[in-house]
Amino acid sequence: MAKSTQKAMTNPAEMTSAMMAMNPIATATWLKIMNESAEFLAERLKKDLETQKAMLACKSPADLLKVQSDFYKTAIEHYTKETTRLFEMMSKGATSSIAEATSGHARGYDDVPL
């Protein structure tokens, strides 16, 4: 079996450059999604740390249960909003990519010679 002589792209900068050359709109959308995800992750880690501190400060099991239930309620709300936001970003990016790829020339049924 012959070995491939092509070098695999492992450098993220090389992969991003290749994607930019193929479809700049999709690449811009991808970068926005990655930035949004990183910001969300940082915010969630901050909230997780605050919850951990609040849990350690609890004096009774009832306090702990309150902190935990509040944490889960807000976490579910945050993850739901973030999922919706990412879905909207992907939808807009896909719509833009399709619009970019579509030809501006349309043919009507009348202009086809018989």
Protein backbone atom coordinates (compact mmCIF):
# COMPACT_ATOMS: atom_id res chain seq x y z
CA MET A 1 0.00 0.00 0.00
CA ALA A 2 1.45 3.35 -1.02
CA LYS A 3 1.96 6.00 1.62
CA SER A 4 0.62 9.48 1.04
CA THR A 5 3.25 12.11 0.42
CA GLN A 6 0.98 14.97 1.48
CA LYS A 7 1.66 16.56 4.83
CA ALA A 8 -1.40 16.75 7.10
CA MET A 9 -2.37 20.23 8.28
CA THR A 10 -2.11 20.27 12.06
CA ASN A 11 -1.49 23.96 12.56
CA PRO A 12 -4.77 25.83 13.31
CA ALA A 13 -3.50 28.88 11.40
CA GLU A 14 -2.96 26.76 8.28
CA MET A 15 -6.44 25.25 8.58
CA THR A 16 -8.02 28.68 9.06
CA SER A 17 -6.17 30.06 6.03
CA ALA A 18 -7.36 27.13 3.93
CA MET A 19 -10.94 27.65 5.09
CA MET A 20 -10.73 31.41 4.38
CA ALA A 21 -9.61 30.72 0.83
CA MET A 22 -12.53 28.36 0.22
CA ASN A 23 -15.38 30.26 1.89
CA PRO A 24 -14.68 33.52 3.73
CA ILE A 25 -18.27 33.91 4.98
CA ALA A 26 -18.29 30.46 6.57
CA THR A 27 -14.90 31.13 8.13
CA ALA A 28 -16.04 34.44 9.59
CA THR A 29 -19.10 32.70 11.04
CA TRP A 30 -16.93 29.93 12.46
CA LEU A 31 -14.63 32.47 14.12
CA LYS A 32 -17.63 34.33 15.62
CA ILE A 33 -18.97 31.05 16.99
CA MET A 34 -15.60 30.16 18.50
CA ASN A 35 -15.33 33.61 20.14
CA GLU A 36 -18.87 33.38 21.47
CA SER A 37 -18.20 29.90 22.85
CA ALA A 38 -15.01 31.02 24.58
CA GLU A 39 -16.77 34.00 26.18
CA PHE A 40 -19.63 31.79 27.33
CA LEU A 41 -17.24 29.24 28.78
CA ALA A 42 -15.36 31.93 30.70
CA GLU A 43 -18.61 33.32 32.10
CA ARG A 44 -19.87 29.87 33.11
CA LEU A 45 -16.59 29.04 34.86
CA LYS A 46 -16.90 32.30 36.78
CA LYS A 47 -20.47 31.40 37.82
CA ASP A 48 -19.35 27.89 38.79
CA LEU A 49 -16.63 29.28 41.03
CA GLU A 50 -19.08 31.70 42.67
CA THR A 51 -21.46 28.79 43.32
CA GLN A 52 -18.68 26.71 44.82
CA LYS A 53 -17.82 29.55 47.20
CA ALA A 54 -21.50 29.93 48.13
CA MET A 55 -21.76 26.17 48.77
CA LEU A 56 -18.75 26.23 51.06
CA ALA A 57 -20.31 29.09 53.02
CA CYS A 58 -23.58 27.21 53.66
CA LYS A 59 -24.47 26.63 57.31
CA SER A 60 -27.28 24.12 56.84
CA PRO A 61 -28.46 21.48 54.36
CA ALA A 62 -31.39 23.76 53.47
CA ASP A 63 -28.97 26.54 52.50
CA LEU A 64 -26.99 24.09 50.38
CA LEU A 65 -30.15 22.87 48.64
CA LYS A 66 -31.15 26.47 47.88
CA VAL A 67 -27.73 27.29 46.39
CA GLN A 68 -27.74 24.12 44.30
CA SER A 69 -31.26 24.62 42.97
CA ASP A 70 -30.51 28.25 42.07
CA PHE A 71 -27.33 27.16 40.34
CA TYR A 72 -29.08 24.51 38.23
CA LYS A 73 -31.94 26.83 37.35
CA THR A 74 -29.64 29.61 36.10
CA ALA A 75 -27.27 27.16 34.40
CA ILE A 76 -30.14 25.67 32.39
CA GLU A 77 -31.32 29.16 31.42
CA HIS A 78 -27.80 30.21 30.37
CA TYR A 79 -27.15 27.05 28.34
CA THR A 80 -30.55 27.33 26.64
CA LYS A 81 -29.92 30.97 25.68
CA GLU A 82 -26.42 30.17 24.46
CA THR A 83 -27.62 27.24 22.37
CA THR A 84 -30.26 29.47 20.78
CA ARG A 85 -27.69 32.20 20.13
CA LEU A 86 -25.25 29.75 18.50
CA PHE A 87 -28.03 28.24 16.39
CA GLU A 88 -29.01 31.70 15.15
CA MET A 89 -25.38 32.52 14.33
CA MET A 90 -25.04 29.27 12.37
CA SER A 91 -28.32 29.87 10.54
CA LYS A 92 -27.28 33.39 9.52
CA GLY A 93 -23.88 32.10 8.39
CA ALA A 94 -25.44 29.31 6.33
CA THR A 95 -27.92 31.71 4.76
CA SER A 96 -25.12 34.14 3.89
CA SER A 97 -22.96 31.34 2.43
CA ILE A 98 -25.83 30.10 0.29
CA ALA A 99 -26.63 33.62 -0.90
CA GLU A 100 -22.97 34.12 -1.80
CA ALA A 101 -22.84 30.85 -3.73
CA THR A 102 -26.08 31.41 -5.66
CA SER A 103 -25.88 32.88 -9.08
CA GLY A 104 -27.44 36.28 -9.61
CA HIS A 105 -28.72 35.14 -12.98
CA ALA A 106 -32.04 33.38 -13.13
CA ARG A 107 -33.74 31.95 -16.15
CA GLY A 108 -37.45 32.06 -16.69
CA TYR A 109 -39.41 29.27 -18.28
CA ASP A 110 -40.19 31.50 -21.30
CA ASP A 111 -36.60 31.89 -22.46
CA VAL A 112 -35.83 28.19 -23.00
CA PRO A 113 -35.79 27.48 -26.75
CA LEU A 114 -37.92 24.56 -27.87
